[in-house]
Amino acid sequence: RDMIEWAVLATDGAADLIEHAGHRWHRIAQYDDAQL
């Protein structure tokens, strides 16, 4: 528990594009529905 705070799960259709665009996962973890 003290080693994990946030998480993002994604299908490859989203993950590959997000990685390519250079977004940071720890920031995306804070997004709400509208931002996602």
Full PDB file with SEQRES, HELIX, SHEET, SSBOND, CRYST1, ORIGX, SCALE, CONECT and MASTER records, all heavy atoms in Angstrom:
SEQRES   1 A   36  ARG ASP MET ILE GLU TRP ALA VAL LEU ALA THR ASP GLY          
SEQRES   2 A   36  ALA ALA ASP LEU ILE GLU HIS ALA GLY HIS ARG TRP HIS          
SEQRES   3 A   36  ARG ILE ALA GLN TYR ASP ASP ALA GLN LEU                      
HELIX    1 AA1 ASP A   12  ALA A   21  1                                  10    
HELIX    2 AA2 TRP A   25  ILE A   28  1                                   4    
CRYST1    1.000    1.000    1.000  90.00  90.00  90.00 P 1           1          
ORIGX1      1.000000  0.000000  0.000000        0.00000                         
ORIGX2      0.000000  1.000000  0.000000        0.00000                         
ORIGX3      0.000000  0.000000  1.000000        0.00000                         
SCALE1      1.000000  0.000000  0.000000        0.00000                         
SCALE2      0.000000  1.000000  0.000000        0.00000                         
SCALE3      0.000000  0.000000  1.000000        0.00000                         
ATOM      1  N   ARG A   1       0.809  -1.218   0.000  1.00  0.00           N  
ATOM      2  CA  ARG A   1       0.000   0.000   0.000  1.00  0.00           C  
ATOM      3  C   ARG A   1       0.841   1.267   0.000  1.00  0.00           C  
ATOM      4  O   ARG A   1       0.501   2.246  -0.680  1.00  0.00           O  
ATOM      5  CB  ARG A   1      -0.938  -0.019   1.211  1.00  0.00           C  
ATOM      6  CG  ARG A   1      -1.843   1.199   1.297  1.00  0.00           C  
ATOM      7  CD  ARG A   1      -2.890   1.039   2.369  1.00  0.00           C  
ATOM      8  NE  ARG A   1      -3.735   2.222   2.454  1.00  0.00           N  
ATOM      9  CZ  ARG A   1      -5.000   2.202   2.802  1.00  0.00           C  
ATOM     10  NH1 ARG A   1      -5.585   1.059   3.096  1.00  0.00           N  
ATOM     11  NH2 ARG A   1      -5.710   3.317   2.848  1.00  0.00           N  
ATOM     12  N   ASP A   2       1.951   1.281   0.720  1.00  0.00           N  
ATOM     13  CA  ASP A   2       2.743   2.502   0.797  1.00  0.00           C  
ATOM     14  C   ASP A   2       3.638   2.707  -0.428  1.00  0.00           C  
ATOM     15  O   ASP A   2       4.397   3.678  -0.491  1.00  0.00           O  
ATOM     16  CB  ASP A   2       3.586   2.531   2.074  1.00  0.00           C  
ATOM     17  CG  ASP A   2       4.567   1.372   2.164  1.00  0.00           C  
ATOM     18  OD1 ASP A   2       4.559   0.506   1.268  1.00  0.00           O  
ATOM     19  OD2 ASP A   2       5.344   1.336   3.136  1.00  0.00           O  
ATOM     20  N   MET A   3       3.524   1.801  -1.431  1.00  0.00           N  
ATOM     21  CA  MET A   3       4.332   1.924  -2.637  1.00  0.00           C  
ATOM     22  C   MET A   3       3.489   2.224  -3.886  1.00  0.00           C  
ATOM     23  O   MET A   3       4.006   2.323  -4.987  1.00  0.00           O  
ATOM     24  CB  MET A   3       5.142   0.643  -2.871  1.00  0.00           C  
ATOM     25  CG  MET A   3       6.151   0.344  -1.780  1.00  0.00           C  
ATOM     26  SD  MET A   3       7.387   1.667  -1.612  1.00  0.00           S  
ATOM     27  CE  MET A   3       8.243   1.515  -3.180  1.00  0.00           C  
ATOM     28  N   ILE A   4       2.189   2.338  -3.710  1.00  0.00           N  
ATOM     29  CA  ILE A   4       1.311   2.647  -4.842  1.00  0.00           C  
ATOM     30  C   ILE A   4       0.207   3.586  -4.376  1.00  0.00           C  
ATOM     31  O   ILE A   4      -0.401   3.374  -3.323  1.00  0.00           O  
ATOM     32  CB  ILE A   4       0.726   1.355  -5.473  1.00  0.00           C  
ATOM     33  CG1 ILE A   4      -0.124   1.680  -6.700  1.00  0.00           C  
ATOM     34  CG2 ILE A   4      -0.044   0.541  -4.458  1.00  0.00           C  
ATOM     35  CD1 ILE A   4      -0.550   0.454  -7.496  1.00  0.00           C  
ATOM     36  N   GLU A   5      -0.008   4.618  -5.172  1.00  0.00           N  
ATOM     37  CA  GLU A   5      -1.025   5.615  -4.846  1.00  0.00           C  
ATOM     38  C   GLU A   5      -2.049   5.737  -5.965  1.00  0.00           C  
ATOM     39  O   GLU A   5      -3.248   5.790  -5.718  1.00  0.00           O  
ATOM     40  CB  GLU A   5      -0.349   6.960  -4.621  1.00  0.00           C  
ATOM     41  CG  GLU A   5      -1.284   8.120  -4.322  1.00  0.00           C  
ATOM     42  CD  GLU A   5      -0.523   9.426  -4.168  1.00  0.00           C  
ATOM     43  OE1 GLU A   5       0.365   9.701  -5.011  1.00  0.00           O  
ATOM     44  OE2 GLU A   5      -0.814  10.155  -3.218  1.00  0.00           O  
ATOM     45  N   TRP A   6      -1.565   5.762  -7.200  1.00  0.00           N  
ATOM     46  CA  TRP A   6      -2.415   5.968  -8.366  1.00  0.00           C  
ATOM     47  C   TRP A   6      -2.174   4.868  -9.402  1.00  0.00           C  
ATOM     48  O   TRP A   6      -1.180   4.152  -9.347  1.00  0.00           O  
ATOM     49  CB  TRP A   6      -2.146   7.335  -8.994  1.00  0.00           C  
ATOM     50  CG  TRP A   6      -0.708   7.549  -9.404  1.00  0.00           C  
ATOM     51  CD1 TRP A   6       0.278   8.163  -8.687  1.00  0.00           C  
ATOM     52  CD2 TRP A   6      -0.082   7.124 -10.626  1.00  0.00           C  
ATOM     53  NE1 TRP A   6       1.475   8.155  -9.376  1.00  0.00           N  
ATOM     54  CE2 TRP A   6       1.277   7.530 -10.575  1.00  0.00           C  
ATOM     55  CE3 TRP A   6      -0.530   6.447 -11.757  1.00  0.00           C  
ATOM     56  CZ2 TRP A   6       2.182   7.267 -11.604  1.00  0.00           C  
ATOM     57  CZ3 TRP A   6       0.359   6.184 -12.796  1.00  0.00           C  
ATOM     58  CH2 TRP A   6       1.705   6.605 -12.710  1.00  0.00           C  
ATOM     59  N   ALA A   7      -3.109   4.766 -10.343  1.00  0.00           N  
ATOM     60  CA  ALA A   7      -2.952   3.785 -11.427  1.00  0.00           C  
ATOM     61  C   ALA A   7      -3.785   4.210 -12.625  1.00  0.00           C  
ATOM     62  O   ALA A   7      -4.804   4.901 -12.483  1.00  0.00           O  
ATOM     63  CB  ALA A   7      -3.366   2.390 -10.970  1.00  0.00           C  
ATOM     64  N   VAL A   8      -3.329   3.806 -13.794  1.00  0.00           N  
ATOM     65  CA  VAL A   8      -4.079   4.010 -15.037  1.00  0.00           C  
ATOM     66  C   VAL A   8      -4.072   2.699 -15.811  1.00  0.00           C  
ATOM     67  O   VAL A   8      -3.006   2.129 -16.062  1.00  0.00           O  
ATOM     68  CB  VAL A   8      -3.465   5.119 -15.910  1.00  0.00           C  
ATOM     69  CG1 VAL A   8      -4.295   5.309 -17.184  1.00  0.00           C  
ATOM     70  CG2 VAL A   8      -3.361   6.438 -15.147  1.00  0.00           C  
ATOM     71  N   LEU A   9      -5.251   2.211 -16.163  1.00  0.00           N  
ATOM     72  CA  LEU A   9      -5.396   1.031 -16.997  1.00  0.00           C  
ATOM     73  C   LEU A   9      -5.906   1.488 -18.360  1.00  0.00           C  
ATOM     74  O   LEU A   9      -6.771   2.370 -18.435  1.00  0.00           O  
ATOM     75  CB  LEU A   9      -6.385   0.038 -16.396  1.00  0.00           C  
ATOM     76  CG  LEU A   9      -6.041  -0.612 -15.046  1.00  0.00           C  
ATOM     77  CD1 LEU A   9      -6.326   0.322 -13.887  1.00  0.00           C  
ATOM     78  CD2 LEU A   9      -6.837  -1.906 -14.859  1.00  0.00           C  
ATOM     79  N   ALA A  10      -5.390   0.899 -19.434  1.00  0.00           N  
ATOM     80  CA  ALA A  10      -5.802   1.338 -20.769  1.00  0.00           C  
ATOM     81  C   ALA A  10      -5.690   0.200 -21.763  1.00  0.00           C  
ATOM     82  O   ALA A  10      -4.855  -0.693 -21.619  1.00  0.00           O  
ATOM     83  CB  ALA A  10      -4.943   2.517 -21.229  1.00  0.00           C  
ATOM     84  N   THR A  11      -6.534   0.231 -22.778  1.00  0.00           N  
ATOM     85  CA  THR A  11      -6.351  -0.668 -23.901  1.00  0.00           C  
ATOM     86  C   THR A  11      -5.267  -0.087 -24.806  1.00  0.00           C  
ATOM     87  O   THR A  11      -4.956   1.098 -24.737  1.00  0.00           O  
ATOM     88  CB  THR A  11      -7.661  -0.852 -24.682  1.00  0.00           C  
ATOM     89  OG1 THR A  11      -8.151   0.428 -25.120  1.00  0.00           O  
ATOM     90  CG2 THR A  11      -8.716  -1.521 -23.809  1.00  0.00           C  
ATOM     91  N   ASP A  12      -4.708  -0.929 -25.678  1.00  0.00           N  
ATOM     92  CA  ASP A  12      -3.572  -0.464 -26.470  1.00  0.00           C  
ATOM     93  C   ASP A  12      -3.948   0.648 -27.430  1.00  0.00           C  
ATOM     94  O   ASP A  12      -3.117   1.499 -27.764  1.00  0.00           O  
ATOM     95  CB  ASP A  12      -2.913  -1.628 -27.217  1.00  0.00           C  
ATOM     96  CG  ASP A  12      -3.818  -2.253 -28.276  1.00  0.00           C  
ATOM     97  OD1 ASP A  12      -5.048  -2.222 -28.109  1.00  0.00           O  
ATOM     98  OD2 ASP A  12      -3.279  -2.784 -29.265  1.00  0.00           O  
ATOM     99  N   GLY A  13      -5.203   0.696 -27.860  1.00  0.00           N  
ATOM    100  CA  GLY A  13      -5.633   1.771 -28.742  1.00  0.00           C  
ATOM    101  C   GLY A  13      -5.512   3.138 -28.116  1.00  0.00           C  
ATOM    102  O   GLY A  13      -5.293   4.139 -28.817  1.00  0.00           O  
ATOM    103  N   ALA A  14      -5.637   3.205 -26.801  1.00  0.00           N  
ATOM    104  CA  ALA A  14      -5.423   4.461 -26.082  1.00  0.00           C  
ATOM    105  C   ALA A  14      -3.975   4.589 -25.635  1.00  0.00           C  
ATOM    106  O   ALA A  14      -3.342   5.635 -25.828  1.00  0.00           O  
ATOM    107  CB  ALA A  14      -6.353   4.535 -24.872  1.00  0.00           C  
ATOM    108  N   ALA A  15      -3.425   3.527 -25.045  1.00  0.00           N  
ATOM    109  CA  ALA A  15      -2.090   3.602 -24.438  1.00  0.00           C  
ATOM    110  C   ALA A  15      -1.011   3.937 -25.458  1.00  0.00           C  
ATOM    111  O   ALA A  15      -0.125   4.764 -25.196  1.00  0.00           O  
ATOM    112  CB  ALA A  15      -1.766   2.289 -23.736  1.00  0.00           C  
ATOM    113  N   ASP A  16      -1.061   3.323 -26.638  1.00  0.00           N  
ATOM    114  CA  ASP A  16      -0.015   3.555 -27.631  1.00  0.00           C  
ATOM    115  C   ASP A  16      -0.004   5.008 -28.098  1.00  0.00           C  
ATOM    116  O   ASP A  16       1.060   5.613 -28.271  1.00  0.00           O  
ATOM    117  CB  ASP A  16      -0.215   2.628 -28.835  1.00  0.00           C  
ATOM    118  CG  ASP A  16       0.061   1.172 -28.513  1.00  0.00           C  
ATOM    119  OD1 ASP A  16       0.570   0.887 -27.409  1.00  0.00           O  
ATOM    120  OD2 ASP A  16      -0.241   0.305 -29.362  1.00  0.00           O  
ATOM    121  N   LEU A  17      -1.179   5.568 -28.312  1.00  0.00           N  
ATOM    122  CA  LEU A  17      -1.255   6.959 -28.759  1.00  0.00           C  
ATOM    123  C   LEU A  17      -0.838   7.930 -27.661  1.00  0.00           C  
ATOM    124  O   LEU A  17      -0.168   8.933 -27.923  1.00  0.00           O  
ATOM    125  CB  LEU A  17      -2.685   7.276 -29.210  1.00  0.00           C  
ATOM    126  CG  LEU A  17      -3.034   7.047 -30.675  1.00  0.00           C  
ATOM    127  CD1 LEU A  17      -2.310   8.040 -31.564  1.00  0.00           C  
ATOM    128  CD2 LEU A  17      -2.778   5.637 -31.115  1.00  0.00           C  
ATOM    129  N   ILE A  18      -1.231   7.632 -26.421  1.00  0.00           N  
ATOM    130  CA  ILE A  18      -0.869   8.495 -25.300  1.00  0.00           C  
ATOM    131  C   ILE A  18       0.636   8.486 -25.089  1.00  0.00           C  
ATOM    132  O   ILE A  18       1.258   9.533 -24.872  1.00  0.00           O  
ATOM    133  CB  ILE A  18      -1.628   8.043 -24.033  1.00  0.00           C  
ATOM    134  CG1 ILE A  18      -3.126   8.368 -24.184  1.00  0.00           C  
ATOM    135  CG2 ILE A  18      -1.060   8.709 -22.782  1.00  0.00           C  
ATOM    136  CD1 ILE A  18      -3.995   7.744 -23.123  1.00  0.00           C  
ATOM    137  N   GLU A  19       1.243   7.313 -25.180  1.00  0.00           N  
ATOM    138  CA  GLU A  19       2.701   7.207 -25.076  1.00  0.00           C  
ATOM    139  C   GLU A  19       3.374   7.995 -26.210  1.00  0.00           C  
ATOM    140  O   GLU A  19       4.349   8.719 -25.997  1.00  0.00           O  
ATOM    141  CB  GLU A  19       3.132   5.739 -25.140  1.00  0.00           C  
ATOM    142  CG  GLU A  19       2.757   4.918 -23.917  1.00  0.00           C  
ATOM    143  CD  GLU A  19       3.800   5.019 -22.810  1.00  0.00           C  
ATOM    144  OE1 GLU A  19       4.698   5.869 -22.910  1.00  0.00           O  
ATOM    145  OE2 GLU A  19       3.680   4.238 -21.846  1.00  0.00           O  
ATOM    146  N   HIS A  20       2.869   7.839 -27.415  1.00  0.00           N  
ATOM    147  CA  HIS A  20       3.458   8.513 -28.574  1.00  0.00           C  
ATOM    148  C   HIS A  20       3.394  10.032 -28.414  1.00  0.00           C  
ATOM    149  O   HIS A  20       4.318  10.741 -28.836  1.00  0.00           O  
ATOM    150  CB  HIS A  20       2.723   8.090 -29.844  1.00  0.00           C  
ATOM    151  CG  HIS A  20       3.300   8.671 -31.096  1.00  0.00           C  
ATOM    152  ND1 HIS A  20       4.452   8.180 -31.679  1.00  0.00           N  
ATOM    153  CD2 HIS A  20       2.886   9.708 -31.886  1.00  0.00           C  
ATOM    154  CE1 HIS A  20       4.731   8.875 -32.766  1.00  0.00           C  
ATOM    155  NE2 HIS A  20       3.796   9.804 -32.922  1.00  0.00           N  
ATOM    156  N   ALA A  21       2.325  10.518 -27.794  1.00  0.00           N  
ATOM    157  CA  ALA A  21       2.156  11.955 -27.609  1.00  0.00           C  
ATOM    158  C   ALA A  21       2.977  12.502 -26.444  1.00  0.00           C  
ATOM    159  O   ALA A  21       3.078  13.720 -26.271  1.00  0.00           O  
ATOM    160  CB  ALA A  21       0.679  12.284 -27.400  1.00  0.00           C  
ATOM    161  N   GLY A  22       3.563  11.620 -25.644  1.00  0.00           N  
ATOM    162  CA  GLY A  22       4.439  12.052 -24.561  1.00  0.00           C  
ATOM    163  C   GLY A  22       3.745  12.464 -23.279  1.00  0.00           C  
ATOM    164  O   GLY A  22       4.344  13.130 -22.432  1.00  0.00           O  
ATOM    165  N   HIS A  23       2.484  12.076 -23.112  1.00  0.00           N  
ATOM    166  CA  HIS A  23       1.779  12.401 -21.872  1.00  0.00           C  
ATOM    167  C   HIS A  23       2.343  11.591 -20.710  1.00  0.00           C  
ATOM    168  O   HIS A  23       2.839  10.481 -20.886  1.00  0.00           O  
ATOM    169  CB  HIS A  23       0.280  12.121 -22.018  1.00  0.00           C  
ATOM    170  CG  HIS A  23      -0.406  12.991 -23.020  1.00  0.00           C  
ATOM    171  ND1 HIS A  23      -0.738  14.297 -22.769  1.00  0.00           N  
ATOM    172  CD2 HIS A  23      -0.810  12.737 -24.290  1.00  0.00           C  
ATOM    173  CE1 HIS A  23      -1.337  14.813 -23.823  1.00  0.00           C  
ATOM    174  NE2 HIS A  23      -1.391  13.891 -24.771  1.00  0.00           N  
ATOM    175  N   ARG A  24       2.247  12.129 -19.513  1.00  0.00           N  
ATOM    176  CA  ARG A  24       2.749  11.466 -18.322  1.00  0.00           C  
ATOM    177  C   ARG A  24       1.598  10.793 -17.583  1.00  0.00           C  
ATOM    178  O   ARG A  24       0.560  11.410 -17.304  1.00  0.00           O  
ATOM    179  CB  ARG A  24       3.445  12.471 -17.394  1.00  0.00           C  
ATOM    180  CG  ARG A  24       4.638  13.168 -18.026  1.00  0.00           C  
ATOM    181  CD  ARG A  24       5.744  12.178 -18.409  1.00  0.00           C  
ATOM    182  NE  ARG A  24       6.226  11.428 -17.259  1.00  0.00           N  
ATOM    183  CZ  ARG A  24       7.166  11.877 -16.434  1.00  0.00           C  
ATOM    184  NH1 ARG A  24       7.730  13.062 -16.631  1.00  0.00           N  
ATOM    185  NH2 ARG A  24       7.542  11.140 -15.408  1.00  0.00           N  
ATOM    186  N   TRP A  25       1.810   9.537 -17.242  1.00  0.00           N  
ATOM    187  CA  TRP A  25       0.736   8.749 -16.649  1.00  0.00           C  
ATOM    188  C   TRP A  25       0.336   9.257 -15.273  1.00  0.00           C  
ATOM    189  O   TRP A  25      -0.851   9.198 -14.901  1.00  0.00           O  
ATOM    190  CB  TRP A  25       1.134   7.280 -16.593  1.00  0.00           C  
ATOM    191  CG  TRP A  25       1.257   6.670 -17.951  1.00  0.00           C  
ATOM    192  CD1 TRP A  25       2.403   6.314 -18.605  1.00  0.00           C  
ATOM    193  CD2 TRP A  25       0.193   6.369 -18.857  1.00  0.00           C  
ATOM    194  NE1 TRP A  25       2.119   5.816 -19.855  1.00  0.00           N  
ATOM    195  CE2 TRP A  25       0.769   5.830 -20.033  1.00  0.00           C  
ATOM    196  CE3 TRP A  25      -1.203   6.501 -18.779  1.00  0.00           C  
ATOM    197  CZ2 TRP A  25       0.002   5.436 -21.124  1.00  0.00           C  
ATOM    198  CZ3 TRP A  25      -1.969   6.094 -19.865  1.00  0.00           C  
ATOM    199  CH2 TRP A  25      -1.362   5.570 -21.016  1.00  0.00           C  
ATOM    200  N   HIS A  26       1.280   9.762 -14.487  1.00  0.00           N  
ATOM    201  CA  HIS A  26       0.908  10.229 -13.143  1.00  0.00           C  
ATOM    202  C   HIS A  26      -0.003  11.444 -13.219  1.00  0.00           C  
ATOM    203  O   HIS A  26      -0.810  11.675 -12.311  1.00  0.00           O  
ATOM    204  CB  HIS A  26       2.165  10.537 -12.310  1.00  0.00           C  
ATOM    205  CG  HIS A  26       2.894  11.778 -12.713  1.00  0.00           C  
ATOM    206  ND1 HIS A  26       3.839  11.795 -13.701  1.00  0.00           N  
ATOM    207  CD2 HIS A  26       2.810  13.049 -12.239  1.00  0.00           C  
ATOM    208  CE1 HIS A  26       4.327  13.018 -13.836  1.00  0.00           C  
ATOM    209  NE2 HIS A  26       3.712  13.796 -12.966  1.00  0.00           N  
ATOM    210  N   ARG A  27       0.092  12.196 -14.301  1.00  0.00           N  
ATOM    211  CA  ARG A  27      -0.814  13.325 -14.484  1.00  0.00           C  
ATOM    212  C   ARG A  27      -2.186  12.856 -14.964  1.00  0.00           C  
ATOM    213  O   ARG A  27      -3.222  13.344 -14.501  1.00  0.00           O  
ATOM    214  CB  ARG A  27      -0.217  14.322 -15.475  1.00  0.00           C  
ATOM    215  CG  ARG A  27       1.030  15.028 -14.939  1.00  0.00           C  
ATOM    216  CD  ARG A  27       1.655  15.914 -15.987  1.00  0.00           C  
ATOM    217  NE  ARG A  27       2.849  16.576 -15.469  1.00  0.00           N  
ATOM    218  CZ  ARG A  27       3.753  17.185 -16.220  1.00  0.00           C  
ATOM    219  NH1 ARG A  27       3.597  17.213 -17.540  1.00  0.00           N  
ATOM    220  NH2 ARG A  27       4.816  17.750 -15.674  1.00  0.00           N  
ATOM    221  N   ILE A  28      -2.177  11.898 -15.895  1.00  0.00           N  
ATOM    222  CA  ILE A  28      -3.445  11.372 -16.399  1.00  0.00           C  
ATOM    223  C   ILE A  28      -4.245  10.714 -15.277  1.00  0.00           C  
ATOM    224  O   ILE A  28      -5.477  10.760 -15.272  1.00  0.00           O  
ATOM    225  CB  ILE A  28      -3.172  10.373 -17.539  1.00  0.00           C  
ATOM    226  CG1 ILE A  28      -2.580  11.115 -18.743  1.00  0.00           C  
ATOM    227  CG2 ILE A  28      -4.439   9.625 -17.949  1.00  0.00           C  
ATOM    228  CD1 ILE A  28      -2.109  10.210 -19.852  1.00  0.00           C  
ATOM    229  N   ALA A  29      -3.556  10.133 -14.308  1.00  0.00           N  
ATOM    230  CA  ALA A  29      -4.256   9.494 -13.180  1.00  0.00           C  
ATOM    231  C   ALA A  29      -5.142  10.477 -12.426  1.00  0.00           C  
ATOM    232  O   ALA A  29      -6.108  10.068 -11.775  1.00  0.00           O  
ATOM    233  CB  ALA A  29      -3.243   8.873 -12.227  1.00  0.00           C  
ATOM    234  N   GLN A  30      -4.842  11.769 -12.526  1.00  0.00           N  
ATOM    235  CA  GLN A  30      -5.611  12.780 -11.803  1.00  0.00           C  
ATOM    236  C   GLN A  30      -6.813  13.297 -12.611  1.00  0.00           C  
ATOM    237  O   GLN A  30      -7.605  14.086 -12.095  1.00  0.00           O  
ATOM    238  CB  GLN A  30      -4.711  13.979 -11.446  1.00  0.00           C  
ATOM    239  CG  GLN A  30      -3.382  13.608 -10.810  1.00  0.00           C  
ATOM    240  CD  GLN A  30      -3.531  12.785  -9.553  1.00  0.00           C  
ATOM    241  OE1 GLN A  30      -4.348  13.101  -8.684  1.00  0.00           O  
ATOM    242  NE2 GLN A  30      -2.737  11.718  -9.433  1.00  0.00           N  
ATOM    243  N   TYR A  31      -6.946  12.867 -13.857  1.00  0.00           N  
ATOM    244  CA  TYR A  31      -8.007  13.387 -14.716  1.00  0.00           C  
ATOM    245  C   TYR A  31      -9.381  12.883 -14.286  1.00  0.00           C  
ATOM    246  O   TYR A  31      -9.523  11.755 -13.805  1.00  0.00           O  
ATOM    247  CB  TYR A  31      -7.782  12.949 -16.165  1.00  0.00           C  
ATOM    248  CG  TYR A  31      -6.674  13.667 -16.901  1.00  0.00           C  
ATOM    249  CD1 TYR A  31      -5.812  14.554 -16.267  1.00  0.00           C  
ATOM    250  CD2 TYR A  31      -6.484  13.440 -18.267  1.00  0.00           C  
ATOM    251  CE1 TYR A  31      -4.796  15.191 -16.956  1.00  0.00           C  
ATOM    252  CE2 TYR A  31      -5.474  14.071 -18.975  1.00  0.00           C  
ATOM    253  CZ  TYR A  31      -4.626  14.945 -18.314  1.00  0.00           C  
ATOM    254  OH  TYR A  31      -3.633  15.564 -19.014  1.00  0.00           O  
ATOM    255  N   ASP A  32     -10.389  13.730 -14.502  1.00  0.00           N  
ATOM    256  CA  ASP A  32     -11.768  13.295 -14.292  1.00  0.00           C  
ATOM    257  C   ASP A  32     -12.330  12.776 -15.623  1.00  0.00           C  
ATOM    258  O   ASP A  32     -11.626  12.717 -16.644  1.00  0.00           O  
ATOM    259  CB  ASP A  32     -12.629  14.418 -13.715  1.00  0.00           C  
ATOM    260  CG  ASP A  32     -12.698  15.650 -14.622  1.00  0.00           C  
ATOM    261  OD1 ASP A  32     -12.427  15.535 -15.843  1.00  0.00           O  
ATOM    262  OD2 ASP A  32     -13.032  16.737 -14.113  1.00  0.00           O  
ATOM    263  N   ASP A  33     -13.597  12.387 -15.622  1.00  0.00           N  
ATOM    264  CA  ASP A  33     -14.199  11.799 -16.823  1.00  0.00           C  
ATOM    265  C   ASP A  33     -14.077  12.724 -18.025  1.00  0.00           C  
ATOM    266  O   ASP A  33     -13.726  12.286 -19.131  1.00  0.00           O  
ATOM    267  CB  ASP A  33     -15.681  11.481 -16.575  1.00  0.00           C  
ATOM    268  CG  ASP A  33     -15.888  10.331 -15.607  1.00  0.00           C  
ATOM    269  OD1 ASP A  33     -14.900   9.675 -15.225  1.00  0.00           O  
ATOM    270  OD2 ASP A  33     -17.055  10.079 -15.239  1.00  0.00           O  
ATOM    271  N   ALA A  34     -14.383  14.012 -17.818  1.00  0.00           N  
ATOM    272  CA  ALA A  34     -14.362  14.966 -18.927  1.00  0.00           C  
ATOM    273  C   ALA A  34     -12.953  15.132 -19.481  1.00  0.00           C  
ATOM    274  O   ALA A  34     -12.755  15.215 -20.704  1.00  0.00           O  
ATOM    275  CB  ALA A  34     -14.920  16.318 -18.470  1.00  0.00           C  
ATOM    276  N   GLN A  35     -11.967  15.179 -18.613  1.00  0.00           N  
ATOM    277  CA  GLN A  35     -10.585  15.331 -19.078  1.00  0.00           C  
ATOM    278  C   GLN A  35     -10.093  14.091 -19.808  1.00  0.00           C  
ATOM    279  O   GLN A  35      -9.376  14.194 -20.804  1.00  0.00           O  
ATOM    280  CB  GLN A  35      -9.680  15.645 -17.881  1.00  0.00           C  
ATOM    281  CG  GLN A  35      -9.901  17.030 -17.285  1.00  0.00           C  
ATOM    282  CD  GLN A  35      -9.152  17.220 -15.982  1.00  0.00           C  
ATOM    283  OE1 GLN A  35      -9.244  16.378 -15.073  1.00  0.00           O  
ATOM    284  NE2 GLN A  35      -8.430  18.312 -15.868  1.00  0.00           N  
ATOM    285  N   LEU A  36     -10.485  12.914 -19.330  1.00  0.00           N  
ATOM    286  CA  LEU A  36     -10.115  11.683 -20.023  1.00  0.00           C  
ATOM    287  C   LEU A  36     -10.775  11.617 -21.399  1.00  0.00           C  
ATOM    288  O   LEU A  36     -10.149  11.220 -22.386  1.00  0.00           O  
ATOM    289  CB  LEU A  36     -10.507  10.460 -19.194  1.00  0.00           C  
ATOM    290  CG  LEU A  36      -9.735  10.232 -17.895  1.00  0.00           C  
ATOM    291  CD1 LEU A  36     -10.349   9.066 -17.122  1.00  0.00           C  
ATOM    292  CD2 LEU A  36      -8.252   9.975 -18.154  1.00  0.00           C  
TER     293      LEU A  36                                                      
MASTER        0    0    0    2    0    0    0    6  292    1    0    3          
END                                                                             
